[in-house]
Amino acid sequence: MSTPLGRFYAIDPTTASKAVEILTNGLADSDNYVRGAAAKGLGEVGLAAHSALPALRRALCDDWQNVRK
């Protein structure tokens, strides 16, 4: 749903936890596009992705700019 504050999605904690696990693993993929999509996906998950913070910090040093954004 679009709002003046952005888009909000309802996701249950179990689904969020599994999604965060999969996306966190994607940050270590050899494919630049997979790493970039994983980082973007974790950003869209928001606060539920707090367990991915160590991997996201490592992604800040990625050679590919789209992963670092």
C-alpha atoms as a PDB file:
ATOM      1  CA  MET A   1       0.000   0.000   0.000  1.00  0.00           C
ATOM      2  CA  SER A   2       1.405   3.401  -0.884  1.00  0.00           C
ATOM      3  CA  THR A   3       1.302   6.129   1.727  1.00  0.00           C
ATOM      4  CA  PRO A   4       2.982   9.499   2.099  1.00  0.00           C
ATOM      5  CA  LEU A   5       5.543   7.743   4.301  1.00  0.00           C
ATOM      6  CA  GLY A   6       6.322   4.988   1.820  1.00  0.00           C
ATOM      7  CA  ARG A   7       5.230   1.392   1.318  1.00  0.00           C
ATOM      8  CA  PHE A   8       4.336  -0.889   4.171  1.00  0.00           C
ATOM      9  CA  TYR A   9       4.037  -4.650   3.990  1.00  0.00           C
ATOM     10  CA  ALA A  10       2.631  -7.011   6.588  1.00  0.00           C
ATOM     11  CA  ILE A  11       4.888  -9.986   7.197  1.00  0.00           C
ATOM     12  CA  ASP A  12       4.665 -12.453  10.043  1.00  0.00           C
ATOM     13  CA  PRO A  13       7.765 -12.982  12.229  1.00  0.00           C
ATOM     14  CA  THR A  14       8.385 -16.550  11.031  1.00  0.00           C
ATOM     15  CA  THR A  15       8.367 -15.508   7.389  1.00  0.00           C
ATOM     16  CA  ALA A  16      10.512 -12.465   8.138  1.00  0.00           C
ATOM     17  CA  SER A  17      13.050 -14.610   9.971  1.00  0.00           C
ATOM     18  CA  LYS A  18      13.360 -17.059   7.057  1.00  0.00           C
ATOM     19  CA  ALA A  19      13.552 -14.216   4.519  1.00  0.00           C
ATOM     20  CA  VAL A  20      16.308 -12.512   6.515  1.00  0.00           C
ATOM     21  CA  GLU A  21      18.258 -15.777   6.694  1.00  0.00           C
ATOM     22  CA  ILE A  22      17.999 -16.312   2.929  1.00  0.00           C
ATOM     23  CA  LEU A  23      18.843 -12.694   2.098  1.00  0.00           C
ATOM     24  CA  THR A  24      21.780 -12.680   4.519  1.00  0.00           C
ATOM     25  CA  ASN A  25      23.177 -15.750   2.751  1.00  0.00           C
ATOM     26  CA  GLY A  26      22.687 -13.880  -0.531  1.00  0.00           C
ATOM     27  CA  LEU A  27      25.114 -11.191   0.629  1.00  0.00           C
ATOM     28  CA  ALA A  28      27.918 -13.765   0.340  1.00  0.00           C
ATOM     29  CA  ASP A  29      26.936 -14.952  -3.156  1.00  0.00           C
ATOM     30  CA  SER A  30      29.566 -14.785  -5.904  1.00  0.00           C
ATOM     31  CA  ASP A  31      27.135 -12.977  -8.226  1.00  0.00           C
ATOM     32  CA  ASN A  32      27.156  -9.167  -7.906  1.00  0.00           C
ATOM     33  CA  TYR A  33      23.483  -8.893  -8.782  1.00  0.00           C
ATOM     34  CA  VAL A  34      22.454 -11.441  -6.151  1.00  0.00           C
ATOM     35  CA  ARG A  35      24.452  -9.571  -3.488  1.00  0.00           C
ATOM     36  CA  GLY A  36      22.891  -6.269  -4.530  1.00  0.00           C
ATOM     37  CA  ALA A  37      19.364  -7.682  -4.515  1.00  0.00           C
ATOM     38  CA  ALA A  38      19.965  -9.276  -1.112  1.00  0.00           C
ATOM     39  CA  ALA A  39      21.153  -5.983   0.368  1.00  0.00           C
ATOM     40  CA  LYS A  40      18.159  -4.149  -1.085  1.00  0.00           C
ATOM     41  CA  GLY A  41      15.783  -6.831   0.180  1.00  0.00           C
ATOM     42  CA  LEU A  42      17.194  -6.618   3.690  1.00  0.00           C
ATOM     43  CA  GLY A  43      16.701  -2.867   3.583  1.00  0.00           C
ATOM     44  CA  GLU A  44      13.081  -3.374   2.649  1.00  0.00           C
ATOM     45  CA  VAL A  45      12.559  -5.859   5.503  1.00  0.00           C
ATOM     46  CA  GLY A  46      13.615  -3.108   7.883  1.00  0.00           C
ATOM     47  CA  LEU A  47      13.988  -3.637  11.626  1.00  0.00           C
ATOM     48  CA  ALA A  48      13.203  -7.345  11.382  1.00  0.00           C
ATOM     49  CA  ALA A  49      16.559  -7.686   9.598  1.00  0.00           C
ATOM     50  CA  HIS A  50      18.575  -6.678  12.669  1.00  0.00           C
ATOM     51  CA  SER A  51      20.286 -10.090  12.749  1.00  0.00           C
ATOM     52  CA  ALA A  52      21.793  -9.308   9.329  1.00  0.00           C
ATOM     53  CA  LEU A  53      23.688  -6.241  10.561  1.00  0.00           C
ATOM     54  CA  PRO A  54      27.129  -7.934  10.763  1.00  0.00           C
ATOM     55  CA  ALA A  55      26.780  -9.191   7.174  1.00  0.00           C
ATOM     56  CA  LEU A  56      25.498  -5.797   6.019  1.00  0.00           C
ATOM     57  CA  ARG A  57      28.500  -4.090   7.625  1.00  0.00           C
ATOM     58  CA  ARG A  58      30.793  -6.428   5.681  1.00  0.00           C
ATOM     59  CA  ALA A  59      28.820  -5.624   2.509  1.00  0.00           C
ATOM     60  CA  LEU A  60      29.825  -1.972   2.899  1.00  0.00           C
ATOM     61  CA  CYS A  61      33.297  -3.047   1.722  1.00  0.00           C
ATOM     62  CA  ASP A  62      31.966  -4.865  -1.368  1.00  0.00           C
ATOM     63  CA  ASP A  63      33.749  -4.057  -4.625  1.00  0.00           C
ATOM     64  CA  TRP A  64      30.443  -3.576  -6.386  1.00  0.00           C
ATOM     65  CA  GLN A  65      28.763  -0.191  -5.819  1.00  0.00           C
ATOM     66  CA  ASN A  66      25.180  -1.494  -6.006  1.00  0.00           C
ATOM     67  CA  VAL A  67      25.836  -3.726  -3.003  1.00  0.00           C
ATOM     68  CA  ARG A  68      27.178  -0.792  -0.968  1.00  0.00           C
ATOM     69  CA  LYS A  69      24.187   1.506  -1.652  1.00  0.00           C
END
